[in-house]
């Protein structure tokens, strides 16, 4: 199992699950990220900065701690 943090900008992945408690799950659902969604990794900020992902035609910045708890699999998404 890989996490979002292990992928590079330009990669597309599908969300499998969240490796965290109810608070993390609630936060990600509020951001609009659900299991089954496709994420396109747009950017990784240097020096431990956030990741910028596109999900459901929205750009979302995620801290590295949160990105490391999003379980994903490589997936070629239809649209970015």
C-alpha atoms as a PDB file:
ATOM      1  CA  UNK A   1       0.000   0.000   0.000  1.00  0.00           C
ATOM      2  CA  UNK A   2       1.282   3.442  -0.932  1.00  0.00           C
ATOM      3  CA  UNK A   3       0.353   6.866   0.336  1.00  0.00           C
ATOM      4  CA  UNK A   4      -0.150  10.036  -1.658  1.00  0.00           C
ATOM      5  CA  UNK A   5       3.150  11.384  -0.314  1.00  0.00           C
ATOM      6  CA  UNK A   6       5.046   8.635  -2.165  1.00  0.00           C
ATOM      7  CA  UNK A   7       3.940   9.859  -5.615  1.00  0.00           C
ATOM      8  CA  UNK A   8       5.382  12.602  -7.808  1.00  0.00           C
ATOM      9  CA  UNK A   9       3.838  15.658  -9.461  1.00  0.00           C
ATOM     10  CA  UNK A  10       2.034  14.629 -12.628  1.00  0.00           C
ATOM     11  CA  UNK A  11       0.881  11.291 -11.185  1.00  0.00           C
ATOM     12  CA  UNK A  12      -2.788  10.351 -11.002  1.00  0.00           C
ATOM     13  CA  UNK A  13      -4.062   8.090  -8.230  1.00  0.00           C
ATOM     14  CA  UNK A  14      -7.311   6.709  -6.852  1.00  0.00           C
ATOM     15  CA  UNK A  15      -8.065   7.079  -3.134  1.00  0.00           C
ATOM     16  CA  UNK A  16      -8.453   3.686  -1.438  1.00  0.00           C
ATOM     17  CA  UNK A  17      -8.789   4.627   2.231  1.00  0.00           C
ATOM     18  CA  UNK A  18      -7.553   6.911   4.993  1.00  0.00           C
ATOM     19  CA  UNK A  19      -5.027   5.674   7.582  1.00  0.00           C
ATOM     20  CA  UNK A  20      -6.355   7.813  10.382  1.00  0.00           C
ATOM     21  CA  UNK A  21      -9.206   8.254  12.795  1.00  0.00           C
ATOM     22  CA  UNK A  22     -12.592   9.880  12.435  1.00  0.00           C
ATOM     23  CA  UNK A  23     -11.128  13.391  12.682  1.00  0.00           C
ATOM     24  CA  UNK A  24      -8.885  12.858   9.657  1.00  0.00           C
ATOM     25  CA  UNK A  25     -11.723  11.229   7.703  1.00  0.00           C
ATOM     26  CA  UNK A  26     -14.051  14.141   8.532  1.00  0.00           C
ATOM     27  CA  UNK A  27     -11.448  16.720   7.516  1.00  0.00           C
ATOM     28  CA  UNK A  28     -10.792  15.041   4.159  1.00  0.00           C
ATOM     29  CA  UNK A  29     -14.509  14.658   3.448  1.00  0.00           C
ATOM     30  CA  UNK A  30     -14.944  18.379   4.201  1.00  0.00           C
ATOM     31  CA  UNK A  31     -12.176  19.034   1.646  1.00  0.00           C
ATOM     32  CA  UNK A  32     -14.193  16.955  -0.833  1.00  0.00           C
ATOM     33  CA  UNK A  33     -11.862  13.933  -0.880  1.00  0.00           C
ATOM     34  CA  UNK A  34     -13.616  10.558  -0.576  1.00  0.00           C
ATOM     35  CA  UNK A  35     -12.520   6.937  -1.078  1.00  0.00           C
ATOM     36  CA  UNK A  36     -12.869   6.169  -4.783  1.00  0.00           C
ATOM     37  CA  UNK A  37     -12.002   9.706  -5.889  1.00  0.00           C
ATOM     38  CA  UNK A  38      -9.275  10.349  -8.415  1.00  0.00           C
ATOM     39  CA  UNK A  39      -6.500  12.744  -7.404  1.00  0.00           C
ATOM     40  CA  UNK A  40      -4.004  14.370  -9.736  1.00  0.00           C
ATOM     41  CA  UNK A  41      -0.843  15.491  -7.939  1.00  0.00           C
ATOM     42  CA  UNK A  42      -0.038  18.938  -9.299  1.00  0.00           C
ATOM     43  CA  UNK A  43       2.831  20.108  -7.099  1.00  0.00           C
ATOM     44  CA  UNK A  44       4.973  19.279  -4.084  1.00  0.00           C
ATOM     45  CA  UNK A  45       6.326  22.364  -2.353  1.00  0.00           C
ATOM     46  CA  UNK A  46      10.010  22.156  -1.417  1.00  0.00           C
ATOM     47  CA  UNK A  47      11.384  21.928   2.120  1.00  0.00           C
ATOM     48  CA  UNK A  48       8.487  19.943   3.552  1.00  0.00           C
ATOM     49  CA  UNK A  49       5.770  22.247   2.220  1.00  0.00           C
ATOM     50  CA  UNK A  50       2.279  21.156   1.203  1.00  0.00           C
ATOM     51  CA  UNK A  51       1.127  19.136  -1.794  1.00  0.00           C
ATOM     52  CA  UNK A  52      -1.302  20.615  -4.292  1.00  0.00           C
ATOM     53  CA  UNK A  53      -3.798  18.120  -5.705  1.00  0.00           C
ATOM     54  CA  UNK A  54      -6.741  18.361  -8.043  1.00  0.00           C
ATOM     55  CA  UNK A  55      -9.861  16.469  -6.991  1.00  0.00           C
ATOM     56  CA  UNK A  56     -13.274  16.824  -8.624  1.00  0.00           C
ATOM     57  CA  UNK A  57     -12.124  19.928 -10.540  1.00  0.00           C
ATOM     58  CA  UNK A  58     -10.944  21.644  -7.328  1.00  0.00           C
ATOM     59  CA  UNK A  59      -7.392  22.376  -6.250  1.00  0.00           C
ATOM     60  CA  UNK A  60      -6.674  21.425  -2.643  1.00  0.00           C
ATOM     61  CA  UNK A  61      -3.494  21.996  -0.636  1.00  0.00           C
ATOM     62  CA  UNK A  62      -2.665  19.150   1.750  1.00  0.00           C
ATOM     63  CA  UNK A  63       0.013  19.092   4.405  1.00  0.00           C
ATOM     64  CA  UNK A  64       2.536  16.279   4.152  1.00  0.00           C
ATOM     65  CA  UNK A  65       1.286  14.668   7.377  1.00  0.00           C
ATOM     66  CA  UNK A  66      -2.205  14.361   5.951  1.00  0.00           C
ATOM     67  CA  UNK A  67      -0.943  13.270   2.514  1.00  0.00           C
ATOM     68  CA  UNK A  68       0.991  10.473   4.227  1.00  0.00           C
ATOM     69  CA  UNK A  69      -2.296   9.114   5.613  1.00  0.00           C
ATOM     70  CA  UNK A  70      -4.175   8.951   2.302  1.00  0.00           C
ATOM     71  CA  UNK A  71      -3.863   5.404   0.936  1.00  0.00           C
ATOM     72  CA  UNK A  72      -3.895   5.419  -2.863  1.00  0.00           C
ATOM     73  CA  UNK A  73      -3.198   3.282  -5.911  1.00  0.00           C
ATOM     74  CA  UNK A  74      -1.867   4.398  -9.309  1.00  0.00           C
ATOM     75  CA  UNK A  75      -4.726   5.073 -11.686  1.00  0.00           C
ATOM     76  CA  UNK A  76      -5.086   6.742 -15.061  1.00  0.00           C
ATOM     77  CA  UNK A  77      -7.967   9.109 -14.561  1.00  0.00           C
ATOM     78  CA  UNK A  78     -10.188  10.074 -17.476  1.00  0.00           C
ATOM     79  CA  UNK A  79      -9.895  13.833 -16.881  1.00  0.00           C
ATOM     80  CA  UNK A  80      -7.679  16.066 -14.775  1.00  0.00           C
END
